[in-house]
Structure formats: C-alpha cells, structure tokens
Amino acid sequence: MLLMRHQQKDENLYFQDKCFVRHLYELTVKAGAVLLKRVVSVSLGSAGRDHEVENEVSGCRLLIQRFGTGGDLDRAAKLLSDLDGKVDALGLGGVNLYLRAGTRRYQLRDGARLAAQVRRTPLVDGSGIKDTVEKELVRFIQNQAGWPRQGQVALIVSALDRWALAESLEEAGCRLIIGDALFALGLPVPFHSLKAFSAAARAFLPLLCQLPIGFLYPLGKRQETSRPGFEHFYQKADIIAGDFHFLRYHLPADLSGKSIITSTVTAGDALELKRRGARWLVTAAPSLEGRSYGSNVLEAICVALLGGGPAANPTLYPGLLKEIGWGPRLERLN
C-alpha cells in the first residue's frame, strides 16, 4: 500500500525556524513495526518547487523532502550542515559533485564545497542512478514503446551530466547532437559523437569545473523561465534528453512529436510538455502524485533503504527499485 502526504510550505519556514530540523526529526519515530526513514534533497533550485511526500515501502515509512535555496550556495551549505547526522540520506540538487567524460571524472568546485559540509550522513548527487538505472532506460523504452530506433536524432543537452544515457542512445543507433557547448557555454558548437566530444571535454574541463555552477547551469528563478535558443537543434531532434531545468531554459514553443527523456518533473511540467505537443515523457523515477523526482532524490532513497555505508552500492539500485515496484515513468502525452 502506498501512503502519500504532500505539503508545500513557505520557504522561510525552512530557514528561519531554527527548531525546524530538530522538530521534524523528533517526529521520525517507530509507528508499530514500521520504521521511518527521512530523505532530504537540498537543491540550488527554486524554493517554489519544494515538496514533501510520505510513502510506505517494504515495511518502511519514507519521508521525502526537497528544500530549494534559490541558487544561494551559503544557504545550501548551512542547511546541509544542519541536517548532517539528523537524516538517513541527503541528496544534492542543482550541482553535481563530478562531471563525467568517458571513464574520467572531474570534480566541480562548488559541489566539493557543499559536500564538505556533510561528515556523517550519506550524501549523493544522483550519479549512481545515472550510471545504473538511467543506463538501462533506453532498453526499457525500446521494449515498451518501440523507440529509440536506428537513425533517430537524439539531442542530449549535457552528456557530461548524463554520460551513461548518452552512451545508451548512441549504442541504440541514434545520431547524437551533444549540447554541452551549446547550452552551458552558449557556443554554436554541437558534437555528434561521444568520442570527439570526450577529447574536447578533457581539454577544457579542468578549467570549467572551477567556474561558479551558475555560469554553467540555470539556478533559482532562472529555472522557472524559458529563453529559447538554438531552436533548430531542438527541431532536428526526435528525442530530447537531459535534466529538465536545462531542457526548459531553451525549450521551443513547438515540441510536436518529440520524445522527452528527463528528470525532476512536476505535474505542471508534464502538462506544459503536453501543451507544446510532446509525444512521450520518460523519467527514471516513478510518478508520485504527478511528480517524478530527480536522480539525486532517487539515489538518496536507495541509500536510505539499503542502510547507507558500503551496502549502498549503486549496482544494487536497479534491483532494489524493481523489488519495491518503483519502475520508470513512461507516459504518452499526445
């Protein structure tokens, strides 16, 4: 049985009430034989997307919360420090700990700064989900819906953020448009193979990873706005894949017939994609009250259910999610 509770609060409550964290954690008590685990995502995104859900899964009650800081790194650092040791797992949203190019990983300066605030609670950024669950997503879609197909054009807005997904699309025979230079740097330089892009990325990533994350990725209120750009690349694509905030910032008005593979989607986001004509919506996370959580939240949930520590190996995530009945979201919009 799935029990859910949704509640949106004024963002000031999360940061001005010094007793808030302690009060909520005191509520995480055993209810009969059901143990409550609390998972919190601290995001650099808008507080307007804050959300709370409670589920019962495999004899465990899960309290899942998302706190946005509007792009304020100091605020995020303070919240992570306050939550450390008081919750079962923490997710980091709006910034990665690392970017991946092939087999190499490059640490992001801002991600490392935030991670340094956490010493006791497991902290994840969703990379474990991207490298395991999302890696299997293309095969799942092929089995259920008959795409991606050989020769289809797939625009992936950031391969550095979702390397395994980009690899799976390339292996499926898709013709790639790799949009990292387009959408992160504003440069009209698309790449069409991961091999070529990886060589270029390795030359520039040591420098780019030292830049403020807001230079590379929309934060705070910028996530709620759209500034269409490079529209012809969107129009050439049959499949558009990547983080929803990155997608939406440049999203054209007409998405007729497009298939969207993304994450961090609310009910309102799905309606907007439908209004613009998108055909399919796919996320690695299931829909809970119309919302599909981001990869960092999904990974934090897996870590909490696995008990943290060495037992929380990313290779176990796909089997765990299958066991609890949390399959991908595959929704026909039009």
C-alpha atoms as a PDB file:
ATOM      1  CA  MET A   1       0.000   0.000   0.000  1.00  0.00           C
ATOM      2  CA  LEU A   2       1.292   3.432  -0.892  1.00  0.00           C
ATOM      3  CA  LEU A   3       0.583   6.219   1.554  1.00  0.00           C
ATOM      4  CA  MET A   4       1.357   9.745   0.441  1.00  0.00           C
ATOM      5  CA  ARG A   5       1.295  13.134   2.060  1.00  0.00           C
ATOM      6  CA  HIS A   6       2.019  16.283   0.143  1.00  0.00           C
ATOM      7  CA  GLN A   7       2.677  19.621   1.706  1.00  0.00           C
ATOM      8  CA  GLN A   8       4.251  22.808   0.398  1.00  0.00           C
ATOM      9  CA  LYS A   9       5.412  25.372   2.926  1.00  0.00           C
ATOM     10  CA  ASP A  10       6.657  28.925   2.811  1.00  0.00           C
ATOM     11  CA  GLU A  11      10.399  28.728   2.123  1.00  0.00           C
ATOM     12  CA  ASN A  12      11.099  30.976   5.111  1.00  0.00           C
ATOM     13  CA  LEU A  13       9.952  28.196   7.435  1.00  0.00           C
ATOM     14  CA  TYR A  14      12.825  26.026   6.304  1.00  0.00           C
ATOM     15  CA  PHE A  15      15.478  28.553   7.055  1.00  0.00           C
ATOM     16  CA  GLN A  16      14.179  30.944   9.725  1.00  0.00           C
ATOM     17  CA  ASP A  17      12.810  28.443  12.218  1.00  0.00           C
ATOM     18  CA  LYS A  18      15.927  27.163  13.964  1.00  0.00           C
ATOM     19  CA  CYS A  19      13.946  24.362  15.564  1.00  0.00           C
ATOM     20  CA  PHE A  20      12.524  23.053  12.277  1.00  0.00           C
ATOM     21  CA  VAL A  21      15.100  20.341  11.557  1.00  0.00           C
ATOM     22  CA  ARG A  22      15.111  19.082  15.136  1.00  0.00           C
ATOM     23  CA  HIS A  23      11.301  19.132  15.364  1.00  0.00           C
ATOM     24  CA  LEU A  24      10.778  17.111  12.187  1.00  0.00           C
ATOM     25  CA  TYR A  25      13.360  14.538  13.096  1.00  0.00           C
ATOM     26  CA  GLU A  26      11.764  14.043  16.514  1.00  0.00           C
ATOM     27  CA  LEU A  27       8.648  13.016  14.604  1.00  0.00           C
ATOM     28  CA  THR A  28      10.535  10.174  12.881  1.00  0.00           C
ATOM     29  CA  VAL A  29       9.573   7.531  15.388  1.00  0.00           C
ATOM     30  CA  LYS A  30       8.599   3.939  15.025  1.00  0.00           C
ATOM     31  CA  ALA A  31       4.913   3.505  14.242  1.00  0.00           C
ATOM     32  CA  GLY A  32       4.223  -0.078  15.286  1.00  0.00           C
ATOM     33  CA  ALA A  33       6.695  -2.205  13.351  1.00  0.00           C
ATOM     34  CA  VAL A  34       7.189   0.452  10.677  1.00  0.00           C
ATOM     35  CA  LEU A  35      10.493   2.347  10.794  1.00  0.00           C
ATOM     36  CA  LEU A  36      10.547   5.860   9.404  1.00  0.00           C
ATOM     37  CA  LYS A  37      13.492   6.948   7.286  1.00  0.00           C
ATOM     38  CA  ARG A  38      13.942  10.570   6.280  1.00  0.00           C
ATOM     39  CA  VAL A  39      15.482  11.603   2.976  1.00  0.00           C
ATOM     40  CA  VAL A  40      16.165  15.260   2.173  1.00  0.00           C
ATOM     41  CA  SER A  41      17.254  16.866  -1.081  1.00  0.00           C
ATOM     42  CA  VAL A  42      18.995  20.225  -0.713  1.00  0.00           C
ATOM     43  CA  SER A  43      18.812  21.975  -4.069  1.00  0.00           C
ATOM     44  CA  LEU A  44      20.216  25.159  -5.540  1.00  0.00           C
ATOM     45  CA  GLY A  45      16.943  25.416  -7.440  1.00  0.00           C
ATOM     46  CA  SER A  46      13.874  27.490  -6.692  1.00  0.00           C
ATOM     47  CA  ALA A  47      12.095  27.073  -3.357  1.00  0.00           C
ATOM     48  CA  GLY A  48       8.862  27.291  -5.340  1.00  0.00           C
ATOM     49  CA  ARG A  49       9.313  23.614  -6.240  1.00  0.00           C
ATOM     50  CA  ASP A  50       9.688  22.462  -2.619  1.00  0.00           C
ATOM     51  CA  HIS A  51       7.718  19.341  -1.894  1.00  0.00           C
ATOM     52  CA  GLU A  52       7.082  16.706   0.746  1.00  0.00           C
ATOM     53  CA  VAL A  53       5.815  13.157   0.328  1.00  0.00           C
ATOM     54  CA  GLU A  54       5.437  10.263   2.739  1.00  0.00           C
ATOM     55  CA  ASN A  55       5.365   6.690   1.423  1.00  0.00           C
ATOM     56  CA  GLU A  56       5.226   3.242   2.936  1.00  0.00           C
ATOM     57  CA  VAL A  57       7.558   0.856   1.135  1.00  0.00           C
ATOM     58  CA  SER A  58       8.684  -2.645   2.166  1.00  0.00           C
ATOM     59  CA  GLY A  59       7.729  -2.110   5.793  1.00  0.00           C
ATOM     60  CA  CYS A  60       9.469   1.257   5.944  1.00  0.00           C
ATOM     61  CA  ARG A  61       7.904   4.700   6.031  1.00  0.00           C
ATOM     62  CA  LEU A  62       9.791   7.176   3.868  1.00  0.00           C
ATOM     63  CA  LEU A  63       9.611  10.914   4.480  1.00  0.00           C
ATOM     64  CA  ILE A  64      10.958  12.590   1.332  1.00  0.00           C
ATOM     65  CA  GLN A  65      11.569  16.345   1.331  1.00  0.00           C
ATOM     66  CA  ARG A  66      13.046  18.839  -1.078  1.00  0.00           C
ATOM     67  CA  PHE A  67      14.385  22.244   0.053  1.00  0.00           C
ATOM     68  CA  GLY A  68      15.395  24.796  -2.589  1.00  0.00           C
ATOM     69  CA  THR A  69      17.776  27.651  -1.826  1.00  0.00           C
ATOM     70  CA  GLY A  70      17.261  29.806  -4.915  1.00  0.00           C
ATOM     71  CA  GLY A  71      20.867  29.476  -6.057  1.00  0.00           C
ATOM     72  CA  ASP A  72      22.290  30.587  -2.696  1.00  0.00           C
ATOM     73  CA  LEU A  73      25.326  28.374  -2.006  1.00  0.00           C
ATOM     74  CA  ASP A  74      25.814  29.739   1.509  1.00  0.00           C
ATOM     75  CA  ARG A  75      22.229  28.863   2.348  1.00  0.00           C
ATOM     76  CA  ALA A  76      22.635  25.380   0.922  1.00  0.00           C
ATOM     77  CA  ALA A  77      25.870  24.851   2.855  1.00  0.00           C
ATOM     78  CA  LYS A  78      24.197  25.910   6.115  1.00  0.00           C
ATOM     79  CA  LEU A  79      21.227  23.619   5.555  1.00  0.00           C
ATOM     80  CA  LEU A  80      23.438  20.642   4.710  1.00  0.00           C
ATOM     81  CA  SER A  81      25.470  21.251   7.853  1.00  0.00           C
ATOM     82  CA  ASP A  82      22.307  21.494   9.974  1.00  0.00           C
ATOM     83  CA  LEU A  83      20.878  18.265   8.528  1.00  0.00           C
ATOM     84  CA  ASP A  84      24.100  16.276   8.802  1.00  0.00           C
ATOM     85  CA  GLY A  85      23.642  13.383  11.212  1.00  0.00           C
ATOM     86  CA  LYS A  86      19.899  14.031  11.573  1.00  0.00           C
ATOM     87  CA  VAL A  87      18.566  12.312   8.445  1.00  0.00           C
ATOM     88  CA  ASP A  88      19.154   8.952   6.758  1.00  0.00           C
ATOM     89  CA  ALA A  89      20.398  10.266   3.414  1.00  0.00           C
ATOM     90  CA  LEU A  90      20.972  13.613   1.714  1.00  0.00           C
ATOM     91  CA  GLY A  91      20.615  14.423  -1.966  1.00  0.00           C
ATOM     92  CA  LEU A  92      22.391  17.336  -3.627  1.00  0.00           C
ATOM     93  CA  GLY A  93      20.393  19.049  -6.377  1.00  0.00           C
ATOM     94  CA  GLY A  94      21.318  21.756  -8.862  1.00  0.00           C
ATOM     95  CA  VAL A  95      25.009  20.863  -8.823  1.00  0.00           C
ATOM     96  CA  ASN A  96      26.990  17.678  -9.401  1.00  0.00           C
ATOM     97  CA  LEU A  97      29.916  16.508  -7.351  1.00  0.00           C
ATOM     98  CA  TYR A  98      31.634  15.444 -10.576  1.00  0.00           C
ATOM     99  CA  LEU A  99      31.218  15.713 -14.340  1.00  0.00           C
ATOM    100  CA  ARG A 100      31.992  12.634 -16.400  1.00  0.00           C
ATOM    101  CA  ALA A 101      33.722  12.395 -19.769  1.00  0.00           C
ATOM    102  CA  GLY A 102      34.184   8.760 -20.741  1.00  0.00           C
ATOM    103  CA  THR A 103      35.946   6.955 -17.912  1.00  0.00           C
ATOM    104  CA  ARG A 104      37.245  10.157 -16.313  1.00  0.00           C
ATOM    105  CA  ARG A 105      35.533  12.242 -13.647  1.00  0.00           C
ATOM    106  CA  TYR A 106      36.201  15.903 -12.901  1.00  0.00           C
ATOM    107  CA  GLN A 107      35.294  17.427  -9.543  1.00  0.00           C
ATOM    108  CA  LEU A 108      33.167  20.580  -9.578  1.00  0.00           C
ATOM    109  CA  ARG A 109      34.443  23.252  -7.200  1.00  0.00           C
ATOM    110  CA  ASP A 110      31.006  24.265  -5.901  1.00  0.00           C
ATOM    111  CA  GLY A 111      29.921  20.650  -5.494  1.00  0.00           C
ATOM    112  CA  ALA A 112      33.017  19.891  -3.422  1.00  0.00           C
ATOM    113  CA  ARG A 113      32.395  22.939  -1.234  1.00  0.00           C
ATOM    114  CA  LEU A 114      28.874  21.774  -0.408  1.00  0.00           C
ATOM    115  CA  ALA A 115      29.929  18.159   0.125  1.00  0.00           C
ATOM    116  CA  ALA A 116      32.496  19.323   2.686  1.00  0.00           C
ATOM    117  CA  GLN A 117      29.628  20.380   4.981  1.00  0.00           C
ATOM    118  CA  VAL A 118      28.499  16.767   5.426  1.00  0.00           C
ATOM    119  CA  ARG A 119      30.520  14.327   7.539  1.00  0.00           C
ATOM    120  CA  ARG A 120      28.088  11.790   8.997  1.00  0.00           C
ATOM    121  CA  THR A 121      25.102  11.381   6.668  1.00  0.00           C
ATOM    122  CA  PRO A 122      25.492   9.752   3.221  1.00  0.00           C
ATOM    123  CA  LEU A 123      25.414  12.486   0.550  1.00  0.00           C
ATOM    124  CA  VAL A 124      24.693  11.677  -3.116  1.00  0.00           C
ATOM    125  CA  ASP A 125      24.232  13.752  -6.260  1.00  0.00           C
ATOM    126  CA  GLY A 126      22.366  11.214  -8.404  1.00  0.00           C
ATOM    127  CA  SER A 127      25.383   9.958 -10.347  1.00  0.00           C
ATOM    128  CA  GLY A 128      24.789   6.421  -9.067  1.00  0.00           C
ATOM    129  CA  ILE A 129      21.295   6.455 -10.602  1.00  0.00           C
ATOM    130  CA  LYS A 130      22.553   7.978 -13.850  1.00  0.00           C
ATOM    131  CA  ASP A 131      25.228   5.297 -14.220  1.00  0.00           C
ATOM    132  CA  THR A 132      22.942   2.335 -13.448  1.00  0.00           C
ATOM    133  CA  VAL A 133      19.177   2.951 -13.680  1.00  0.00           C
ATOM    134  CA  GLU A 134      19.361   5.510 -16.498  1.00  0.00           C
ATOM    135  CA  LYS A 135      21.830   3.296 -18.337  1.00  0.00           C
ATOM    136  CA  GLU A 136      19.055   0.687 -18.622  1.00  0.00           C
ATOM    137  CA  LEU A 137      16.370   3.225 -19.524  1.00  0.00           C
ATOM    138  CA  VAL A 138      16.853   3.090 -23.294  1.00  0.00           C
ATOM    139  CA  ARG A 139      16.369  -0.689 -23.393  1.00  0.00           C
ATOM    140  CA  PHE A 140      13.251  -0.333 -21.210  1.00  0.00           C
ATOM    141  CA  ILE A 141      11.757   2.221 -23.609  1.00  0.00           C
ATOM    142  CA  GLN A 142      12.576   0.050 -26.626  1.00  0.00           C
ATOM    143  CA  ASN A 143      10.799  -2.920 -25.056  1.00  0.00           C
ATOM    144  CA  GLN A 144       7.752  -0.903 -24.006  1.00  0.00           C
ATOM    145  CA  ALA A 145       7.318   1.669 -26.773  1.00  0.00           C
ATOM    146  CA  GLY A 146       9.490   0.635 -29.725  1.00  0.00           C
ATOM    147  CA  TRP A 147      11.900   3.561 -29.684  1.00  0.00           C
ATOM    148  CA  PRO A 148      14.683   4.763 -29.792  1.00  0.00           C
ATOM    149  CA  ARG A 149      15.288   3.400 -33.291  1.00  0.00           C
ATOM    150  CA  GLN A 150      18.294   3.272 -35.581  1.00  0.00           C
ATOM    151  CA  GLY A 151      18.810   6.635 -37.271  1.00  0.00           C
ATOM    152  CA  GLN A 152      16.679   8.735 -34.933  1.00  0.00           C
ATOM    153  CA  VAL A 153      18.209  12.047 -33.877  1.00  0.00           C
ATOM    154  CA  ALA A 154      18.756  12.428 -30.129  1.00  0.00           C
ATOM    155  CA  LEU A 155      19.597  15.809 -28.624  1.00  0.00           C
ATOM    156  CA  ILE A 156      21.250  15.334 -25.238  1.00  0.00           C
ATOM    157  CA  VAL A 157      21.589  18.722 -23.596  1.00  0.00           C
ATOM    158  CA  SER A 158      24.536  17.682 -21.410  1.00  0.00           C
ATOM    159  CA  ALA A 159      26.474  14.477 -21.952  1.00  0.00           C
ATOM    160  CA  LEU A 160      28.784  15.447 -19.078  1.00  0.00           C
ATOM    161  CA  ASP A 161      25.785  15.232 -16.762  1.00  0.00           C
ATOM    162  CA  ARG A 162      24.341  12.006 -18.213  1.00  0.00           C
ATOM    163  CA  TRP A 163      27.149  10.129 -19.900  1.00  0.00           C
ATOM    164  CA  ALA A 164      25.631   6.659 -19.498  1.00  0.00           C
ATOM    165  CA  LEU A 165      22.337   7.776 -21.058  1.00  0.00           C
ATOM    166  CA  ALA A 166      24.207   9.361 -23.971  1.00  0.00           C
ATOM    167  CA  GLU A 167      26.165   6.124 -24.455  1.00  0.00           C
ATOM    168  CA  SER A 168      22.954   4.079 -24.468  1.00  0.00           C
ATOM    169  CA  LEU A 169      21.376   6.334 -27.088  1.00  0.00           C
ATOM    170  CA  GLU A 170      24.490   6.114 -29.261  1.00  0.00           C
ATOM    171  CA  GLU A 171      24.582   2.317 -28.889  1.00  0.00           C
ATOM    172  CA  ALA A 172      20.912   2.193 -29.942  1.00  0.00           C
ATOM    173  CA  GLY A 173      21.914   3.715 -33.270  1.00  0.00           C
ATOM    174  CA  CYS A 174      20.772   7.265 -32.605  1.00  0.00           C
ATOM    175  CA  ARG A 175      22.505  10.171 -34.302  1.00  0.00           C
ATOM    176  CA  LEU A 176      23.573  12.399 -31.431  1.00  0.00           C
ATOM    177  CA  ILE A 177      23.520  16.145 -31.024  1.00  0.00           C
ATOM    178  CA  ILE A 178      25.606  16.754 -27.892  1.00  0.00           C
ATOM    179  CA  GLY A 179      24.597  20.126 -26.491  1.00  0.00           C
ATOM    180  CA  ASP A 180      27.047  20.883 -23.679  1.00  0.00           C
ATOM    181  CA  ALA A 181      28.825  23.672 -25.557  1.00  0.00           C
ATOM    182  CA  LEU A 182      25.510  24.994 -26.878  1.00  0.00           C
ATOM    183  CA  PHE A 183      23.519  25.171 -23.683  1.00  0.00           C
ATOM    184  CA  ALA A 184      26.153  25.571 -20.957  1.00  0.00           C
ATOM    185  CA  LEU A 185      28.516  27.941 -22.769  1.00  0.00           C
ATOM    186  CA  GLY A 186      26.294  29.454 -25.465  1.00  0.00           C
ATOM    187  CA  LEU A 187      28.704  28.380 -28.212  1.00  0.00           C
ATOM    188  CA  PRO A 188      27.241  27.179 -31.540  1.00  0.00           C
ATOM    189  CA  VAL A 189      29.399  24.052 -31.477  1.00  0.00           C
ATOM    190  CA  PRO A 190      27.412  20.798 -31.480  1.00  0.00           C
ATOM    191  CA  PHE A 191      29.220  17.472 -31.252  1.00  0.00           C
ATOM    192  CA  HIS A 192      27.932  14.332 -32.947  1.00  0.00           C
ATOM    193  CA  SER A 193      29.967  11.561 -31.329  1.00  0.00           C
ATOM    194  CA  LEU A 194      30.939  10.873 -27.745  1.00  0.00           C
ATOM    195  CA  LYS A 195      34.493  10.060 -28.813  1.00  0.00           C
ATOM    196  CA  ALA A 196      35.048  13.502 -30.346  1.00  0.00           C
ATOM    197  CA  PHE A 197      33.266  15.271 -27.516  1.00  0.00           C
ATOM    198  CA  SER A 198      35.235  13.404 -24.859  1.00  0.00           C
ATOM    199  CA  ALA A 199      38.533  14.534 -26.377  1.00  0.00           C
ATOM    200  CA  ALA A 200      37.407  18.169 -26.375  1.00  0.00           C
ATOM    201  CA  ALA A 201      35.901  17.953 -22.892  1.00  0.00           C
ATOM    202  CA  ARG A 202      39.095  16.621 -21.355  1.00  0.00           C
ATOM    203  CA  ALA A 203      40.951  19.675 -22.621  1.00  0.00           C
ATOM    204  CA  PHE A 204      38.570  22.214 -21.079  1.00  0.00           C
ATOM    205  CA  LEU A 205      37.011  20.546 -18.031  1.00  0.00           C
ATOM    206  CA  PRO A 206      39.852  21.244 -15.581  1.00  0.00           C
ATOM    207  CA  LEU A 207      39.166  24.960 -16.110  1.00  0.00           C
ATOM    208  CA  LEU A 208      35.375  24.830 -16.455  1.00  0.00           C
ATOM    209  CA  CYS A 209      34.974  22.873 -13.218  1.00  0.00           C
ATOM    210  CA  GLN A 210      36.451  25.833 -11.317  1.00  0.00           C
ATOM    211  CA  LEU A 211      33.716  28.202 -12.535  1.00  0.00           C
ATOM    212  CA  PRO A 212      30.665  29.022 -10.378  1.00  0.00           C
ATOM    213  CA  ILE A 213      27.931  26.493 -11.132  1.00  0.00           C
ATOM    214  CA  GLY A 214      25.537  29.302 -12.081  1.00  0.00           C
ATOM    215  CA  PHE A 215      27.756  30.003 -15.091  1.00  0.00           C
ATOM    216  CA  LEU A 216      27.069  26.515 -16.456  1.00  0.00           C
ATOM    217  CA  TYR A 217      23.568  25.665 -15.217  1.00  0.00           C
ATOM    218  CA  PRO A 218      20.362  27.669 -14.547  1.00  0.00           C
ATOM    219  CA  LEU A 219      19.756  28.179 -10.822  1.00  0.00           C
ATOM    220  CA  GLY A 220      16.987  29.657  -8.680  1.00  0.00           C
ATOM    221  CA  LYS A 221      14.391  31.676 -10.582  1.00  0.00           C
ATOM    222  CA  ARG A 222      16.201  31.058 -13.878  1.00  0.00           C
ATOM    223  CA  GLN A 223      14.830  27.505 -13.634  1.00  0.00           C
ATOM    224  CA  GLU A 224      11.307  28.899 -13.854  1.00  0.00           C
ATOM    225  CA  THR A 225      11.980  30.893 -17.026  1.00  0.00           C
ATOM    226  CA  SER A 226      12.484  29.982 -20.649  1.00  0.00           C
ATOM    227  CA  ARG A 227      14.828  31.666 -23.095  1.00  0.00           C
ATOM    228  CA  PRO A 228      14.533  29.790 -26.387  1.00  0.00           C
ATOM    229  CA  GLY A 229      17.837  29.418 -28.177  1.00  0.00           C
ATOM    230  CA  PHE A 230      19.406  27.107 -30.754  1.00  0.00           C
ATOM    231  CA  GLU A 231      15.840  26.152 -31.679  1.00  0.00           C
ATOM    232  CA  HIS A 232      16.863  24.433 -34.914  1.00  0.00           C
ATOM    233  CA  PHE A 233      18.718  21.775 -32.910  1.00  0.00           C
ATOM    234  CA  TYR A 234      15.546  21.016 -30.946  1.00  0.00           C
ATOM    235  CA  GLN A 235      13.539  20.844 -34.163  1.00  0.00           C
ATOM    236  CA  LYS A 236      16.000  18.390 -35.773  1.00  0.00           C
ATOM    237  CA  ALA A 237      15.696  16.019 -32.822  1.00  0.00           C
ATOM    238  CA  ASP A 238      13.280  13.107 -32.477  1.00  0.00           C
ATOM    239  CA  ILE A 239      14.402  12.576 -28.866  1.00  0.00           C
ATOM    240  CA  ILE A 240      15.375  15.279 -26.357  1.00  0.00           C
ATOM    241  CA  ALA A 241      17.199  14.040 -23.264  1.00  0.00           C
ATOM    242  CA  GLY A 242      18.612  15.606 -20.124  1.00  0.00           C
ATOM    243  CA  ASP A 243      17.882  17.437 -16.897  1.00  0.00           C
ATOM    244  CA  PHE A 244      14.504  19.187 -17.118  1.00  0.00           C
ATOM    245  CA  HIS A 245      15.748  22.575 -15.896  1.00  0.00           C
ATOM    246  CA  PHE A 246      18.425  22.545 -18.572  1.00  0.00           C
ATOM    247  CA  LEU A 247      15.849  21.496 -21.183  1.00  0.00           C
ATOM    248  CA  ARG A 248      13.233  24.057 -20.234  1.00  0.00           C
ATOM    249  CA  TYR A 249      15.572  27.051 -20.198  1.00  0.00           C
ATOM    250  CA  HIS A 250      15.938  26.846 -24.004  1.00  0.00           C
ATOM    251  CA  LEU A 251      12.750  24.911 -24.820  1.00  0.00           C
ATOM    252  CA  PRO A 252      10.919  25.998 -28.006  1.00  0.00           C
ATOM    253  CA  ALA A 253       7.159  26.505 -28.076  1.00  0.00           C
ATOM    254  CA  ASP A 254       6.594  23.673 -30.558  1.00  0.00           C
ATOM    255  CA  LEU A 255       7.602  20.158 -29.466  1.00  0.00           C
ATOM    256  CA  SER A 256       5.249  18.311 -31.794  1.00  0.00           C
ATOM    257  CA  GLY A 257       6.101  14.613 -31.976  1.00  0.00           C
ATOM    258  CA  LYS A 258       9.154  14.881 -29.714  1.00  0.00           C
ATOM    259  CA  SER A 259      10.002  12.255 -27.102  1.00  0.00           C
ATOM    260  CA  ILE A 260      11.391  13.646 -23.836  1.00  0.00           C
ATOM    261  CA  ILE A 261      13.711  11.691 -21.500  1.00  0.00           C
ATOM    262  CA  THR A 262      14.266  13.764 -18.388  1.00  0.00           C
ATOM    263  CA  SER A 263      14.026  14.056 -14.590  1.00  0.00           C
ATOM    264  CA  THR A 264      12.720  16.371 -11.848  1.00  0.00           C
ATOM    265  CA  VAL A 265       9.284  16.753 -13.424  1.00  0.00           C
ATOM    266  CA  THR A 266       6.200  18.136 -11.678  1.00  0.00           C
ATOM    267  CA  ALA A 267       2.580  17.660 -12.769  1.00  0.00           C
ATOM    268  CA  GLY A 268       2.679  21.197 -14.151  1.00  0.00           C
ATOM    269  CA  ASP A 269       5.815  20.430 -16.165  1.00  0.00           C
ATOM    270  CA  ALA A 270       4.148  17.385 -17.726  1.00  0.00           C
ATOM    271  CA  LEU A 271       1.111  19.471 -18.675  1.00  0.00           C
ATOM    272  CA  GLU A 272       3.355  22.094 -20.262  1.00  0.00           C
ATOM    273  CA  LEU A 273       5.145  19.452 -22.341  1.00  0.00           C
ATOM    274  CA  LYS A 274       1.766  18.092 -23.425  1.00  0.00           C
ATOM    275  CA  ARG A 275       0.579  21.595 -24.359  1.00  0.00           C
ATOM    276  CA  ARG A 276       3.657  22.076 -26.528  1.00  0.00           C
ATOM    277  CA  GLY A 277       2.929  18.849 -28.394  1.00  0.00           C
ATOM    278  CA  ALA A 278       5.491  16.411 -26.962  1.00  0.00           C
ATOM    279  CA  ARG A 279       4.540  12.798 -27.666  1.00  0.00           C
ATOM    280  CA  TRP A 280       6.294  10.866 -24.878  1.00  0.00           C
ATOM    281  CA  LEU A 281       7.568  11.685 -21.388  1.00  0.00           C
ATOM    282  CA  VAL A 282      10.047   9.286 -19.769  1.00  0.00           C
ATOM    283  CA  THR A 283      11.738   9.542 -16.376  1.00  0.00           C
ATOM    284  CA  ALA A 284      13.816   7.049 -14.415  1.00  0.00           C
ATOM    285  CA  ALA A 285      11.787   7.782 -11.287  1.00  0.00           C
ATOM    286  CA  PRO A 286       8.119   6.817 -10.909  1.00  0.00           C
ATOM    287  CA  SER A 287       5.366   9.406 -10.687  1.00  0.00           C
ATOM    288  CA  LEU A 288       4.411  10.174  -7.066  1.00  0.00           C
ATOM    289  CA  GLU A 289       1.368  12.448  -7.016  1.00  0.00           C
ATOM    290  CA  GLY A 290       2.286  13.577 -10.529  1.00  0.00           C
ATOM    291  CA  ARG A 291       5.913  14.376  -9.645  1.00  0.00           C
ATOM    292  CA  SER A 292       8.942  12.396 -10.755  1.00  0.00           C
ATOM    293  CA  TYR A 293      11.878  13.182  -8.518  1.00  0.00           C
ATOM    294  CA  GLY A 294      15.371  13.985  -9.695  1.00  0.00           C
ATOM    295  CA  SER A 295      18.189  11.468  -9.734  1.00  0.00           C
ATOM    296  CA  ASN A 296      19.694  12.814  -6.508  1.00  0.00           C
ATOM    297  CA  VAL A 297      16.455  12.165  -4.621  1.00  0.00           C
ATOM    298  CA  LEU A 298      16.050   8.698  -6.114  1.00  0.00           C
ATOM    299  CA  GLU A 299      19.622   7.798  -5.182  1.00  0.00           C
ATOM    300  CA  ALA A 300      19.197   9.151  -1.647  1.00  0.00           C
ATOM    301  CA  ILE A 301      16.086   6.972  -1.257  1.00  0.00           C
ATOM    302  CA  CYS A 302      18.037   3.903  -2.395  1.00  0.00           C
ATOM    303  CA  VAL A 303      20.860   4.687   0.028  1.00  0.00           C
ATOM    304  CA  ALA A 304      18.416   5.102   2.919  1.00  0.00           C
ATOM    305  CA  LEU A 305      16.629   1.827   2.150  1.00  0.00           C
ATOM    306  CA  LEU A 306      19.943  -0.028   1.824  1.00  0.00           C
ATOM    307  CA  GLY A 307      21.112   1.321   5.163  1.00  0.00           C
ATOM    308  CA  GLY A 308      23.924   3.539   3.881  1.00  0.00           C
ATOM    309  CA  GLY A 309      27.611   2.695   4.053  1.00  0.00           C
ATOM    310  CA  PRO A 310      29.238   0.043   1.834  1.00  0.00           C
ATOM    311  CA  ALA A 311      25.902  -1.778   1.477  1.00  0.00           C
ATOM    312  CA  ALA A 312      24.551   1.108  -0.609  1.00  0.00           C
ATOM    313  CA  ASN A 313      26.350   0.116  -3.805  1.00  0.00           C
ATOM    314  CA  PRO A 314      24.912   1.755  -6.962  1.00  0.00           C
ATOM    315  CA  THR A 315      24.879  -1.613  -8.739  1.00  0.00           C
ATOM    316  CA  LEU A 316      22.113  -2.618  -6.312  1.00  0.00           C
ATOM    317  CA  TYR A 317      19.835   0.304  -7.193  1.00  0.00           C
ATOM    318  CA  PRO A 318      18.059  -1.236 -10.230  1.00  0.00           C
ATOM    319  CA  GLY A 319      17.206  -4.434  -8.334  1.00  0.00           C
ATOM    320  CA  LEU A 320      16.058  -2.524  -5.257  1.00  0.00           C
ATOM    321  CA  LEU A 321      13.762  -0.234  -7.251  1.00  0.00           C
ATOM    322  CA  LYS A 322      12.309  -3.237  -9.082  1.00  0.00           C
ATOM    323  CA  GLU A 323      11.733  -5.018  -5.774  1.00  0.00           C
ATOM    324  CA  ILE A 324       9.729  -2.113  -4.317  1.00  0.00           C
ATOM    325  CA  GLY A 325       7.794  -1.597  -7.553  1.00  0.00           C
ATOM    326  CA  TRP A 326       9.306   1.752  -8.488  1.00  0.00           C
ATOM    327  CA  GLY A 327       9.717   1.419 -12.230  1.00  0.00           C
ATOM    328  CA  PRO A 328      10.404   4.199 -14.735  1.00  0.00           C
ATOM    329  CA  ARG A 329       7.654   6.574 -15.800  1.00  0.00           C
ATOM    330  CA  LEU A 330       6.665   6.097 -19.444  1.00  0.00           C
ATOM    331  CA  GLU A 331       3.748   8.359 -20.336  1.00  0.00           C
ATOM    332  CA  ARG A 332       2.142   9.026 -23.723  1.00  0.00           C
ATOM    333  CA  LEU A 333       1.279  12.737 -23.771  1.00  0.00           C
ATOM    334  CA  ASN A 334      -0.082  13.158 -27.299  1.00  0.00           C
END
